[in-house]
Amino acid sequence: MNPRKNSNKTNAVFFILGELIGIASPSKDGLMSKNGFLARGRADINTDANMLITTGIYAVYCYGQDYASKHYPIELGHIIVFVDNVGGSKSQLAISSTGQMYARMSWGEYNWSEWRAFKI
């Protein structure tokens, strides 16, 4: 099959399938958004960082709180979560409002390593 000859048909099929499947959101599966990671919402002192186990980006707001008691390495910033969906490993990358970065990993159910600061 000549891809150039059929490119309009191929593009039309991809467009129709994309419209049928739709864009993924925090509440439904679908195609990945062109905007990147799914925004998972705000994580504050009422949410334990150990429980952030769904792939996506979380806005951290624990300013003036005892954030370490909830396993956060930062008061303000983002936590990006990666889950492999194969062996059960999870990674978290935290970026503070000052630019300091931390990472940790879990192999298994809620067995998190210590947060480690990036040395740049």
PDB file of N, CA and C in Angstrom:
ATOM      1  N   MET A   1       0.851  -1.174   0.000  1.00  0.00           N
ATOM      2  CA  MET A   1       0.000   0.000   0.000  1.00  0.00           C
ATOM      3  C   MET A   1       0.897   1.239   0.000  1.00  0.00           C
ATOM      4  N   ASN A   2       0.578   2.175  -0.841  1.00  0.00           N
ATOM      5  CA  ASN A   2       1.335   3.426  -0.924  1.00  0.00           C
ATOM      6  C   ASN A   2       0.780   4.392   0.130  1.00  0.00           C
ATOM      7  N   PRO A   3       1.590   4.722   1.176  1.00  0.00           N
ATOM      8  CA  PRO A   3       1.064   5.589   2.245  1.00  0.00           C
ATOM      9  C   PRO A   3       0.688   6.983   1.768  1.00  0.00           C
ATOM     10  N   ARG A   4       1.391   7.481   0.726  1.00  0.00           N
ATOM     11  CA  ARG A   4       1.055   8.822   0.223  1.00  0.00           C
ATOM     12  C   ARG A   4      -0.290   8.830  -0.475  1.00  0.00           C
ATOM     13  N   LYS A   5      -0.555   7.768  -1.226  1.00  0.00           N
ATOM     14  CA  LYS A   5      -1.808   7.679  -1.966  1.00  0.00           C
ATOM     15  C   LYS A   5      -3.002   7.616  -1.025  1.00  0.00           C
ATOM     16  N   ASN A   6      -2.844   6.954   0.099  1.00  0.00           N
ATOM     17  CA  ASN A   6      -3.953   6.747   1.035  1.00  0.00           C
ATOM     18  C   ASN A   6      -3.875   7.643   2.267  1.00  0.00           C
ATOM     19  N   SER A   7      -2.998   8.637   2.280  1.00  0.00           N
ATOM     20  CA  SER A   7      -2.806   9.430   3.491  1.00  0.00           C
ATOM     21  C   SER A   7      -4.064  10.179   3.910  1.00  0.00           C
ATOM     22  N   ASN A   8      -4.851  10.674   2.965  1.00  0.00           N
ATOM     23  CA  ASN A   8      -6.081  11.378   3.325  1.00  0.00           C
ATOM     24  C   ASN A   8      -7.079  10.437   3.985  1.00  0.00           C
ATOM     25  N   LYS A   9      -7.183   9.211   3.450  1.00  0.00           N
ATOM     26  CA  LYS A   9      -8.076   8.222   4.043  1.00  0.00           C
ATOM     27  C   LYS A   9      -7.583   7.826   5.431  1.00  0.00           C
ATOM     28  N   THR A  10      -6.277   7.624   5.550  1.00  0.00           N
ATOM     29  CA  THR A  10      -5.686   7.248   6.835  1.00  0.00           C
ATOM     30  C   THR A  10      -5.920   8.344   7.863  1.00  0.00           C
ATOM     31  N   ASN A  11      -5.681   9.589   7.476  1.00  0.00           N
ATOM     32  CA  ASN A  11      -5.908  10.714   8.386  1.00  0.00           C
ATOM     33  C   ASN A  11      -7.371  10.806   8.805  1.00  0.00           C
ATOM     34  N   ALA A  12      -8.277  10.543   7.871  1.00  0.00           N
ATOM     35  CA  ALA A  12      -9.704  10.591   8.185  1.00  0.00           C
ATOM     36  C   ALA A  12     -10.071   9.503   9.197  1.00  0.00           C
ATOM     37  N   VAL A  13      -9.511   8.309   9.010  1.00  0.00           N
ATOM     38  CA  VAL A  13      -9.785   7.215   9.938  1.00  0.00           C
ATOM     39  C   VAL A  13      -9.260   7.567  11.322  1.00  0.00           C
ATOM     40  N   PHE A  14      -8.026   8.073  11.402  1.00  0.00           N
ATOM     41  CA  PHE A  14      -7.458   8.459  12.696  1.00  0.00           C
ATOM     42  C   PHE A  14      -8.293   9.550  13.349  1.00  0.00           C
ATOM     43  N   PHE A  15      -8.766  10.505  12.566  1.00  0.00           N
ATOM     44  CA  PHE A  15      -9.584  11.586  13.110  1.00  0.00           C
ATOM     45  C   PHE A  15     -10.885  11.038  13.693  1.00  0.00           C
ATOM     46  N   ILE A  16     -11.552  10.165  12.919  1.00  0.00           N
ATOM     47  CA  ILE A  16     -12.828   9.598  13.379  1.00  0.00           C
ATOM     48  C   ILE A  16     -12.621   8.761  14.631  1.00  0.00           C
ATOM     49  N   LEU A  17     -11.585   7.915  14.646  1.00  0.00           N
ATOM     50  CA  LEU A  17     -11.314   7.098  15.825  1.00  0.00           C
ATOM     51  C   LEU A  17     -11.000   7.969  17.034  1.00  0.00           C
ATOM     52  N   GLY A  18     -10.227   9.022  16.805  1.00  0.00           N
ATOM     53  CA  GLY A  18      -9.907   9.937  17.895  1.00  0.00           C
ATOM     54  C   GLY A  18     -11.140  10.601  18.465  1.00  0.00           C
ATOM     55  N   GLU A  19     -12.069  10.967  17.610  1.00  0.00           N
ATOM     56  CA  GLU A  19     -13.319  11.570  18.063  1.00  0.00           C
ATOM     57  C   GLU A  19     -14.157  10.569  18.850  1.00  0.00           C
ATOM     58  N   LEU A  20     -14.134   9.308  18.439  1.00  0.00           N
ATOM     59  CA  LEU A  20     -14.917   8.287  19.134  1.00  0.00           C
ATOM     60  C   LEU A  20     -14.324   7.951  20.493  1.00  0.00           C
ATOM     61  N   ILE A  21     -13.003   7.866  20.548  1.00  0.00           N
ATOM     62  CA  ILE A  21     -12.340   7.480  21.793  1.00  0.00           C
ATOM     63  C   ILE A  21     -12.327   8.640  22.780  1.00  0.00           C
ATOM     64  N   GLY A  22     -12.011   9.815  22.318  1.00  0.00           N
ATOM     65  CA  GLY A  22     -11.974  10.997  23.176  1.00  0.00           C
ATOM     66  C   GLY A  22     -10.665  11.151  23.922  1.00  0.00           C
ATOM     67  N   ILE A  23     -10.491  12.285  24.542  1.00  0.00           N
ATOM     68  CA  ILE A  23      -9.283  12.613  25.292  1.00  0.00           C
ATOM     69  C   ILE A  23      -9.398  12.057  26.707  1.00  0.00           C
ATOM     70  N   ALA A  24      -8.299  11.507  27.204  1.00  0.00           N
ATOM     71  CA  ALA A  24      -8.281  10.990  28.573  1.00  0.00           C
ATOM     72  C   ALA A  24      -8.484  12.132  29.561  1.00  0.00           C
ATOM     73  N   SER A  25      -9.115  11.801  30.677  1.00  0.00           N
ATOM     74  CA  SER A  25      -9.313  12.766  31.755  1.00  0.00           C
ATOM     75  C   SER A  25      -9.062  12.031  33.070  1.00  0.00           C
ATOM     76  N   PRO A  26      -9.000  12.749  34.194  1.00  0.00           N
ATOM     77  CA  PRO A  26      -8.818  12.045  35.470  1.00  0.00           C
ATOM     78  C   PRO A  26      -9.913  11.025  35.770  1.00  0.00           C
ATOM     79  N   SER A  27     -11.081  11.171  35.133  1.00  0.00           N
ATOM     80  CA  SER A  27     -12.178  10.257  35.435  1.00  0.00           C
ATOM     81  C   SER A  27     -12.426   9.197  34.360  1.00  0.00           C
ATOM     82  N   LYS A  28     -11.745   9.295  33.173  1.00  0.00           N
ATOM     83  CA  LYS A  28     -11.960   8.286  32.131  1.00  0.00           C
ATOM     84  C   LYS A  28     -10.712   8.089  31.288  1.00  0.00           C
ATOM     85  N   ASP A  29     -10.555   6.865  30.809  1.00  0.00           N
ATOM     86  CA  ASP A  29      -9.457   6.555  29.902  1.00  0.00           C
ATOM     87  C   ASP A  29      -9.760   7.114  28.527  1.00  0.00           C
ATOM     88  N   GLY A  30      -8.728   7.294  27.721  1.00  0.00           N
ATOM     89  CA  GLY A  30      -8.881   7.797  26.366  1.00  0.00           C
ATOM     90  C   GLY A  30      -7.522   8.100  25.787  1.00  0.00           C
ATOM     91  N   LEU A  31      -7.498   8.934  24.778  1.00  0.00           N
ATOM     92  CA  LEU A  31      -6.238   9.348  24.168  1.00  0.00           C
ATOM     93  C   LEU A  31      -5.548  10.368  25.064  1.00  0.00           C
ATOM     94  N   MET A  32      -4.233  10.383  25.033  1.00  0.00           N
ATOM     95  CA  MET A  32      -3.468  11.352  25.831  1.00  0.00           C
ATOM     96  C   MET A  32      -3.663  12.753  25.275  1.00  0.00           C
ATOM     97  N   SER A  33      -3.842  13.698  26.137  1.00  0.00           N
ATOM     98  CA  SER A  33      -3.996  15.092  25.751  1.00  0.00           C
ATOM     99  C   SER A  33      -2.692  15.633  25.188  1.00  0.00           C
ATOM    100  N   LYS A  34      -2.788  16.546  24.251  1.00  0.00           N
ATOM    101  CA  LYS A  34      -1.593  17.199  23.716  1.00  0.00           C
ATOM    102  C   LYS A  34      -0.929  18.080  24.774  1.00  0.00           C
ATOM    103  N   ASN A  35      -1.620  18.340  25.861  1.00  0.00           N
ATOM    104  CA  ASN A  35      -1.082  19.173  26.934  1.00  0.00           C
ATOM    105  C   ASN A  35      -0.236  18.392  27.930  1.00  0.00           C
ATOM    106  N   GLY A  36      -0.063  17.094  27.739  1.00  0.00           N
ATOM    107  CA  GLY A  36       0.837  16.319  28.587  1.00  0.00           C
ATOM    108  C   GLY A  36       0.150  15.609  29.724  1.00  0.00           C
ATOM    109  N   PHE A  37       0.789  15.630  30.902  1.00  0.00           N
ATOM    110  CA  PHE A  37       0.305  14.901  32.059  1.00  0.00           C
ATOM    111  C   PHE A  37      -1.121  15.284  32.437  1.00  0.00           C
ATOM    112  N   LEU A  38      -1.832  14.314  32.973  1.00  0.00           N
ATOM    113  CA  LEU A  38      -3.152  14.605  33.504  1.00  0.00           C
ATOM    114  C   LEU A  38      -3.005  15.337  34.829  1.00  0.00           C
ATOM    115  N   ALA A  39      -3.691  16.435  34.946  1.00  0.00           N
ATOM    116  CA  ALA A  39      -3.694  17.177  36.205  1.00  0.00           C
ATOM    117  C   ALA A  39      -4.589  16.424  37.176  1.00  0.00           C
ATOM    118  N   ARG A  40      -4.053  16.056  38.326  1.00  0.00           N
ATOM    119  CA  ARG A  40      -4.793  15.273  39.311  1.00  0.00           C
ATOM    120  C   ARG A  40      -5.384  16.131  40.421  1.00  0.00           C
ATOM    121  N   GLY A  41      -5.076  17.403  40.409  1.00  0.00           N
ATOM    122  CA  GLY A  41      -5.664  18.277  41.410  1.00  0.00           C
ATOM    123  C   GLY A  41      -4.685  18.642  42.507  1.00  0.00           C
ATOM    124  N   ARG A  42      -5.250  19.179  43.574  1.00  0.00           N
ATOM    125  CA  ARG A  42      -4.459  19.703  44.686  1.00  0.00           C
ATOM    126  C   ARG A  42      -4.202  18.622  45.733  1.00  0.00           C
ATOM    127  N   ALA A  43      -2.964  18.550  46.185  1.00  0.00           N
ATOM    128  CA  ALA A  43      -2.591  17.677  47.301  1.00  0.00           C
ATOM    129  C   ALA A  43      -2.192  18.592  48.446  1.00  0.00           C
ATOM    130  N   ASP A  44      -2.891  18.475  49.562  1.00  0.00           N
ATOM    131  CA  ASP A  44      -2.593  19.340  50.699  1.00  0.00           C
ATOM    132  C   ASP A  44      -2.361  18.495  51.943  1.00  0.00           C
ATOM    133  N   ILE A  45      -2.377  19.136  53.091  1.00  0.00           N
ATOM    134  CA  ILE A  45      -2.059  18.465  54.358  1.00  0.00           C
ATOM    135  C   ILE A  45      -3.071  17.359  54.679  1.00  0.00           C
ATOM    136  N   ASN A  46      -4.228  17.377  54.034  1.00  0.00           N
ATOM    137  CA  ASN A  46      -5.232  16.335  54.252  1.00  0.00           C
ATOM    138  C   ASN A  46      -4.989  15.087  53.399  1.00  0.00           C
ATOM    139  N   THR A  47      -3.984  15.132  52.539  1.00  0.00           N
ATOM    140  CA  THR A  47      -3.656  14.013  51.657  1.00  0.00           C
ATOM    141  C   THR A  47      -2.233  13.554  51.945  1.00  0.00           C
ATOM    142  N   ASP A  48      -2.061  12.288  52.240  1.00  0.00           N
ATOM    143  CA  ASP A  48      -0.735  11.725  52.479  1.00  0.00           C
ATOM    144  C   ASP A  48      -0.049  11.490  51.133  1.00  0.00           C
ATOM    145  N   ALA A  49       1.182  11.935  50.985  1.00  0.00           N
ATOM    146  CA  ALA A  49       1.917  11.759  49.734  1.00  0.00           C
ATOM    147  C   ALA A  49       2.075  10.286  49.376  1.00  0.00           C
ATOM    148  N   ASN A  50       2.083   9.409  50.368  1.00  0.00           N
ATOM    149  CA  ASN A  50       2.161   7.970  50.090  1.00  0.00           C
ATOM    150  C   ASN A  50       0.952   7.458  49.321  1.00  0.00           C
ATOM    151  N   MET A  51      -0.128   8.204  49.357  1.00  0.00           N
ATOM    152  CA  MET A  51      -1.355   7.784  48.682  1.00  0.00           C
ATOM    153  C   MET A  51      -1.491   8.363  47.268  1.00  0.00           C
ATOM    154  N   LEU A  52      -0.519   9.161  46.843  1.00  0.00           N
ATOM    155  CA  LEU A  52      -0.532   9.692  45.474  1.00  0.00           C
ATOM    156  C   LEU A  52       0.073   8.625  44.568  1.00  0.00           C
ATOM    157  N   ILE A  53      -0.750   7.713  44.094  1.00  0.00           N
ATOM    158  CA  ILE A  53      -0.259   6.540  43.366  1.00  0.00           C
ATOM    159  C   ILE A  53      -0.892   6.391  41.984  1.00  0.00           C
ATOM    160  N   THR A  54      -1.495   7.444  41.486  1.00  0.00           N
ATOM    161  CA  THR A  54      -2.058   7.449  40.140  1.00  0.00           C
ATOM    162  C   THR A  54      -1.208   8.374  39.275  1.00  0.00           C
ATOM    163  N   THR A  55      -0.789   7.877  38.108  1.00  0.00           N
ATOM    164  CA  THR A  55       0.042   8.671  37.212  1.00  0.00           C
ATOM    165  C   THR A  55      -0.589  10.033  36.951  1.00  0.00           C
ATOM    166  N   GLY A  56       0.219  11.067  37.055  1.00  0.00           N
ATOM    167  CA  GLY A  56      -0.251  12.424  36.794  1.00  0.00           C
ATOM    168  C   GLY A  56       0.531  13.434  37.600  1.00  0.00           C
ATOM    169  N   ILE A  57       0.074  14.668  37.555  1.00  0.00           N
ATOM    170  CA  ILE A  57       0.751  15.761  38.257  1.00  0.00           C
ATOM    171  C   ILE A  57      -0.205  16.347  39.297  1.00  0.00           C
ATOM    172  N   TYR A  58       0.320  16.530  40.496  1.00  0.00           N
ATOM    173  CA  TYR A  58      -0.448  17.045  41.626  1.00  0.00           C
ATOM    174  C   TYR A  58       0.147  18.386  42.059  1.00  0.00           C
ATOM    175  N   ALA A  59      -0.695  19.357  42.351  1.00  0.00           N
ATOM    176  CA  ALA A  59      -0.250  20.642  42.897  1.00  0.00           C
ATOM    177  C   ALA A  59      -0.181  20.500  44.414  1.00  0.00           C
ATOM    178  N   VAL A  60       0.995  20.716  44.976  1.00  0.00           N
ATOM    179  CA  VAL A  60       1.186  20.572  46.428  1.00  0.00           C
ATOM    180  C   VAL A  60       1.024  21.928  47.098  1.00  0.00           C
ATOM    181  N   TYR A  61       0.157  21.972  48.091  1.00  0.00           N
ATOM    182  CA  TYR A  61      -0.032  23.190  48.872  1.00  0.00           C
ATOM    183  C   TYR A  61      -0.122  22.811  50.344  1.00  0.00           C
ATOM    184  N   CYS A  62       1.020  22.846  51.010  1.00  0.00           N
ATOM    185  CA  CYS A  62       1.087  22.540  52.447  1.00  0.00           C
ATOM    186  C   CYS A  62       1.789  23.676  53.188  1.00  0.00           C
ATOM    187  N   TYR A  63       1.666  24.888  52.691  1.00  0.00           N
ATOM    188  CA  TYR A  63       2.370  26.032  53.250  1.00  0.00           C
ATOM    189  C   TYR A  63       2.005  26.244  54.719  1.00  0.00           C
ATOM    190  N   GLY A  64       3.023  26.338  55.553  1.00  0.00           N
ATOM    191  CA  GLY A  64       2.815  26.589  56.972  1.00  0.00           C
ATOM    192  C   GLY A  64       2.314  25.385  57.745  1.00  0.00           C
ATOM    193  N   GLN A  65       2.308  24.216  57.138  1.00  0.00           N
ATOM    194  CA  GLN A  65       1.802  23.006  57.778  1.00  0.00           C
ATOM    195  C   GLN A  65       2.961  22.057  58.117  1.00  0.00           C
ATOM    196  N   ASP A  66       2.687  21.042  58.898  1.00  0.00           N
ATOM    197  CA  ASP A  66       3.666  20.003  59.207  1.00  0.00           C
ATOM    198  C   ASP A  66       3.676  19.005  58.054  1.00  0.00           C
ATOM    199  N   TYR A  67       4.190  19.429  56.894  1.00  0.00           N
ATOM    200  CA  TYR A  67       4.112  18.633  55.671  1.00  0.00           C
ATOM    201  C   TYR A  67       4.908  17.333  55.754  1.00  0.00           C
ATOM    202  N   ALA A  68       5.967  17.281  56.552  1.00  0.00           N
ATOM    203  CA  ALA A  68       6.757  16.052  56.681  1.00  0.00           C
ATOM    204  C   ALA A  68       5.930  14.921  57.297  1.00  0.00           C
ATOM    205  N   SER A  69       4.959  15.261  58.150  1.00  0.00           N
ATOM    206  CA  SER A  69       4.127  14.233  58.776  1.00  0.00           C
ATOM    207  C   SER A  69       3.249  13.508  57.751  1.00  0.00           C
ATOM    208  N   LYS A  70       3.057  14.116  56.605  1.00  0.00           N
ATOM    209  CA  LYS A  70       2.271  13.503  55.535  1.00  0.00           C
ATOM    210  C   LYS A  70       3.167  13.052  54.379  1.00  0.00           C
ATOM    211  N   HIS A  71       4.466  12.909  54.672  1.00  0.00           N
ATOM    212  CA  HIS A  71       5.454  12.352  53.739  1.00  0.00           C
ATOM    213  C   HIS A  71       5.770  13.242  52.545  1.00  0.00           C
ATOM    214  N   TYR A  72       5.570  14.539  52.669  1.00  0.00           N
ATOM    215  CA  TYR A  72       5.948  15.473  51.610  1.00  0.00           C
ATOM    216  C   TYR A  72       7.353  16.011  51.889  1.00  0.00           C
ATOM    217  N   PRO A  73       8.167  16.194  50.847  1.00  0.00           N
ATOM    218  CA  PRO A  73       9.463  16.829  51.042  1.00  0.00           C
ATOM    219  C   PRO A  73       9.405  18.349  50.833  1.00  0.00           C
ATOM    220  N   ILE A  74       8.246  18.851  50.408  1.00  0.00           N
ATOM    221  CA  ILE A  74       8.104  20.266  50.049  1.00  0.00           C
ATOM    222  C   ILE A  74       6.805  20.834  50.617  1.00  0.00           C
ATOM    223  N   GLU A  75       6.771  22.176  50.757  1.00  0.00           N
ATOM    224  CA  GLU A  75       5.548  22.863  51.190  1.00  0.00           C
ATOM    225  C   GLU A  75       4.677  23.268  50.002  1.00  0.00           C
ATOM    226  N   LEU A  76       5.324  23.769  48.958  1.00  0.00           N
ATOM    227  CA  LEU A  76       4.627  24.259  47.768  1.00  0.00           C
ATOM    228  C   LEU A  76       5.335  23.749  46.521  1.00  0.00           C
ATOM    229  N   GLY A  77       4.571  23.364  45.523  1.00  0.00           N
ATOM    230  CA  GLY A  77       5.167  22.918  44.264  1.00  0.00           C
ATOM    231  C   GLY A  77       4.315  21.851  43.588  1.00  0.00           C
ATOM    232  N   HIS A  78       5.004  20.898  42.976  1.00  0.00           N
ATOM    233  CA  HIS A  78       4.329  19.822  42.256  1.00  0.00           C
ATOM    234  C   HIS A  78       4.922  18.472  42.623  1.00  0.00           C
ATOM    235  N   ILE A  79       4.099  17.460  42.564  1.00  0.00           N
ATOM    236  CA  ILE A  79       4.565  16.075  42.604  1.00  0.00           C
ATOM    237  C   ILE A  79       4.055  15.405  41.339  1.00  0.00           C
ATOM    238  N   ILE A  80       4.992  14.808  40.598  1.00  0.00           N
ATOM    239  CA  ILE A  80       4.658  14.064  39.391  1.00  0.00           C
ATOM    240  C   ILE A  80       4.800  12.585  39.726  1.00  0.00           C
ATOM    241  N   VAL A  81       3.763  11.815  39.419  1.00  0.00           N
ATOM    242  CA  VAL A  81       3.738  10.389  39.747  1.00  0.00           C
ATOM    243  C   VAL A  81       3.789   9.568  38.466  1.00  0.00           C
ATOM    244  N   PHE A  82       4.644   8.561  38.482  1.00  0.00           N
ATOM    245  CA  PHE A  82       4.766   7.612  37.383  1.00  0.00           C
ATOM    246  C   PHE A  82       4.476   6.217  37.936  1.00  0.00           C
ATOM    247  N   VAL A  83       3.625   5.445  37.247  1.00  0.00           N
ATOM    248  CA  VAL A  83       3.317   4.071  37.649  1.00  0.00           C
ATOM    249  C   VAL A  83       3.551   3.186  36.431  1.00  0.00           C
ATOM    250  N   ASP A  84       4.304   2.081  36.617  1.00  0.00           N
ATOM    251  CA  ASP A  84       4.642   1.251  35.456  1.00  0.00           C
ATOM    252  C   ASP A  84       3.531   0.307  35.017  1.00  0.00           C
ATOM    253  N   ASN A  85       2.564   0.006  35.876  1.00  0.00           N
ATOM    254  CA  ASN A  85       1.449  -0.885  35.562  1.00  0.00           C
ATOM    255  C   ASN A  85       1.900  -2.264  35.102  1.00  0.00           C
ATOM    256  N   VAL A  86       3.132  -2.643  35.423  1.00  0.00           N
ATOM    257  CA  VAL A  86       3.638  -3.965  35.076  1.00  0.00           C
ATOM    258  C   VAL A  86       4.027  -4.699  36.347  1.00  0.00           C
ATOM    259  N   GLY A  87       4.984  -4.140  37.074  1.00  0.00           N
ATOM    260  CA  GLY A  87       5.467  -4.797  38.278  1.00  0.00           C
ATOM    261  C   GLY A  87       5.039  -4.131  39.565  1.00  0.00           C
ATOM    262  N   GLY A  88       4.261  -3.078  39.461  1.00  0.00           N
ATOM    263  CA  GLY A  88       3.775  -2.409  40.653  1.00  0.00           C
ATOM    264  C   GLY A  88       4.675  -1.319  41.190  1.00  0.00           C
ATOM    265  N   SER A  89       5.732  -0.965  40.460  1.00  0.00           N
ATOM    266  CA  SER A  89       6.604   0.104  40.959  1.00  0.00           C
ATOM    267  C   SER A  89       6.002   1.464  40.652  1.00  0.00           C
ATOM    268  N   LYS A  90       6.270   2.392  41.557  1.00  0.00           N
ATOM    269  CA  LYS A  90       5.784   3.760  41.433  1.00  0.00           C
ATOM    270  C   LYS A  90       6.942   4.700  41.740  1.00  0.00           C
ATOM    271  N   SER A  91       7.001   5.823  41.040  1.00  0.00           N
ATOM    272  CA  SER A  91       8.009   6.846  41.305  1.00  0.00           C
ATOM    273  C   SER A  91       7.306   8.175  41.516  1.00  0.00           C
ATOM    274  N   GLN A  92       7.885   8.990  42.397  1.00  0.00           N
ATOM    275  CA  GLN A  92       7.394  10.351  42.603  1.00  0.00           C
ATOM    276  C   GLN A  92       8.559  11.316  42.456  1.00  0.00           C
ATOM    277  N   LEU A  93       8.309  12.376  41.728  1.00  0.00           N
ATOM    278  CA  LEU A  93       9.267  13.461  41.553  1.00  0.00           C
ATOM    279  C   LEU A  93       8.609  14.710  42.118  1.00  0.00           C
ATOM    280  N   ALA A  94       9.243  15.327  43.118  1.00  0.00           N
ATOM    281  CA  ALA A  94       8.701  16.544  43.740  1.00  0.00           C
ATOM    282  C   ALA A  94       9.562  17.733  43.340  1.00  0.00           C
ATOM    283  N   ILE A  95       8.920  18.811  42.947  1.00  0.00           N
ATOM    284  CA  ILE A  95       9.614  20.045  42.573  1.00  0.00           C
ATOM    285  C   ILE A  95       9.022  21.167  43.407  1.00  0.00           C
ATOM    286  N   SER A  96       9.866  21.782  44.231  1.00  0.00           N
ATOM    287  CA  SER A  96       9.377  22.838  45.125  1.00  0.00           C
ATOM    288  C   SER A  96       9.241  24.158  44.392  1.00  0.00           C
ATOM    289  N   SER A  97       8.573  25.094  45.034  1.00  0.00           N
ATOM    290  CA  SER A  97       8.397  26.431  44.461  1.00  0.00           C
ATOM    291  C   SER A  97       9.729  27.156  44.311  1.00  0.00           C
ATOM    292  N   THR A  98      10.770  26.688  44.994  1.00  0.00           N
ATOM    293  CA  THR A  98      12.107  27.295  44.879  1.00  0.00           C
ATOM    294  C   THR A  98      12.973  26.577  43.844  1.00  0.00           C
ATOM    295  N   GLY A  99      12.453  25.497  43.262  1.00  0.00           N
ATOM    296  CA  GLY A  99      13.194  24.758  42.248  1.00  0.00           C
ATOM    297  C   GLY A  99      13.945  23.544  42.768  1.00  0.00           C
ATOM    298  N   GLN A 100      13.961  23.336  44.075  1.00  0.00           N
ATOM    299  CA  GLN A 100      14.614  22.142  44.628  1.00  0.00           C
ATOM    300  C   GLN A 100      13.816  20.910  44.215  1.00  0.00           C
ATOM    301  N   MET A 101      14.528  19.831  43.836  1.00  0.00           N
ATOM    302  CA  MET A 101      13.861  18.618  43.371  1.00  0.00           C
ATOM    303  C   MET A 101      14.220  17.418  44.235  1.00  0.00           C
ATOM    304  N   TYR A 102      13.242  16.538  44.403  1.00  0.00           N
ATOM    305  CA  TYR A 102      13.399  15.320  45.191  1.00  0.00           C
ATOM    306  C   TYR A 102      12.765  14.167  44.414  1.00  0.00           C
ATOM    307  N   ALA A 103      13.233  12.958  44.685  1.00  0.00           N
ATOM    308  CA  ALA A 103      12.651  11.771  44.059  1.00  0.00           C
ATOM    309  C   ALA A 103      12.629  10.625  45.050  1.00  0.00           C
ATOM    310  N   ARG A 104      11.686   9.722  44.842  1.00  0.00           N
ATOM    311  CA  ARG A 104      11.631   8.491  45.619  1.00  0.00           C
ATOM    312  C   ARG A 104      10.882   7.445  44.807  1.00  0.00           C
ATOM    313  N   MET A 105      10.962   6.195  45.257  1.00  0.00           N
ATOM    314  CA  MET A 105      10.350   5.097  44.522  1.00  0.00           C
ATOM    315  C   MET A 105       9.756   4.080  45.483  1.00  0.00           C
ATOM    316  N   SER A 106       8.740   3.385  45.006  1.00  0.00           N
ATOM    317  CA  SER A 106       8.101   2.318  45.779  1.00  0.00           C
ATOM    318  C   SER A 106       8.070   1.054  44.931  1.00  0.00           C
ATOM    319  N   TRP A 107       8.565  -0.025  45.505  1.00  0.00           N
ATOM    320  CA  TRP A 107       8.449  -1.346  44.888  1.00  0.00           C
ATOM    321  C   TRP A 107       7.449  -2.119  45.723  1.00  0.00           C
ATOM    322  N   GLY A 108       6.222  -2.106  45.321  1.00  0.00           N
ATOM    323  CA  GLY A 108       5.206  -2.827  46.070  1.00  0.00           C
ATOM    324  C   GLY A 108       4.240  -1.878  46.742  1.00  0.00           C
ATOM    325  N   GLU A 109       3.438  -2.430  47.581  1.00  0.00           N
ATOM    326  CA  GLU A 109       2.351  -1.703  48.215  1.00  0.00           C
ATOM    327  C   GLU A 109       2.845  -0.765  49.314  1.00  0.00           C
ATOM    328  N   TYR A 110       2.878   0.518  49.034  1.00  0.00           N
ATOM    329  CA  TYR A 110       3.179   1.569  50.010  1.00  0.00           C
ATOM    330  C   TYR A 110       4.531   1.387  50.714  1.00  0.00           C
ATOM    331  N   ASN A 111       5.490   0.806  50.041  1.00  0.00           N
ATOM    332  CA  ASN A 111       6.828   0.622  50.585  1.00  0.00           C
ATOM    333  C   ASN A 111       7.753   1.657  49.953  1.00  0.00           C
ATOM    334  N   TRP A 112       7.656   2.903  50.388  1.00  0.00           N
ATOM    335  CA  TRP A 112       8.374   4.007  49.761  1.00  0.00           C
ATOM    336  C   TRP A 112       9.795   4.132  50.289  1.00  0.00           C
ATOM    337  N   SER A 113      10.719   4.458  49.375  1.00  0.00           N
ATOM    338  CA  SER A 113      12.076   4.814  49.799  1.00  0.00           C
ATOM    339  C   SER A 113      12.044   6.210  50.409  1.00  0.00           C
ATOM    340  N   GLU A 114      13.160   6.623  50.979  1.00  0.00           N
ATOM    341  CA  GLU A 114      13.279   7.992  51.487  1.00  0.00           C
ATOM    342  C   GLU A 114      13.344   8.954  50.288  1.00  0.00           C
ATOM    343  N   TRP A 115      12.901  10.177  50.514  1.00  0.00           N
ATOM    344  CA  TRP A 115      13.059  11.225  49.490  1.00  0.00           C
ATOM    345  C   TRP A 115      14.557  11.539  49.377  1.00  0.00           C
ATOM    346  N   ARG A 116      15.044  11.651  48.157  1.00  0.00           N
ATOM    347  CA  ARG A 116      16.433  12.019  47.912  1.00  0.00           C
ATOM    348  C   ARG A 116      16.468  13.308  47.101  1.00  0.00           C
ATOM    349  N   ALA A 117      17.248  14.261  47.569  1.00  0.00           N
ATOM    350  CA  ALA A 117      17.368  15.547  46.875  1.00  0.00           C
ATOM    351  C   ALA A 117      18.284  15.393  45.669  1.00  0.00           C
ATOM    352  N   PHE A 118      17.928  16.065  44.578  1.00  0.00           N
ATOM    353  CA  PHE A 118      18.776  16.114  43.399  1.00  0.00           C
ATOM    354  C   PHE A 118      19.941  17.038  43.679  1.00  0.00           C
ATOM    355  N   LYS A 119      21.104  16.642  43.293  1.00  0.00           N
ATOM    356  CA  LYS A 119      22.302  17.501  43.397  1.00  0.00           C
ATOM    357  C   LYS A 119      22.641  17.965  41.998  1.00  0.00           C
ATOM    358  N   ILE A 120      22.423  19.249  41.753  1.00  0.00           N
ATOM    359  CA  ILE A 120      22.673  19.798  40.410  1.00  0.00           C
ATOM    360  C   ILE A 120      23.864  20.737  40.439  1.00  0.00           C
TER     361      ILE A 120
END
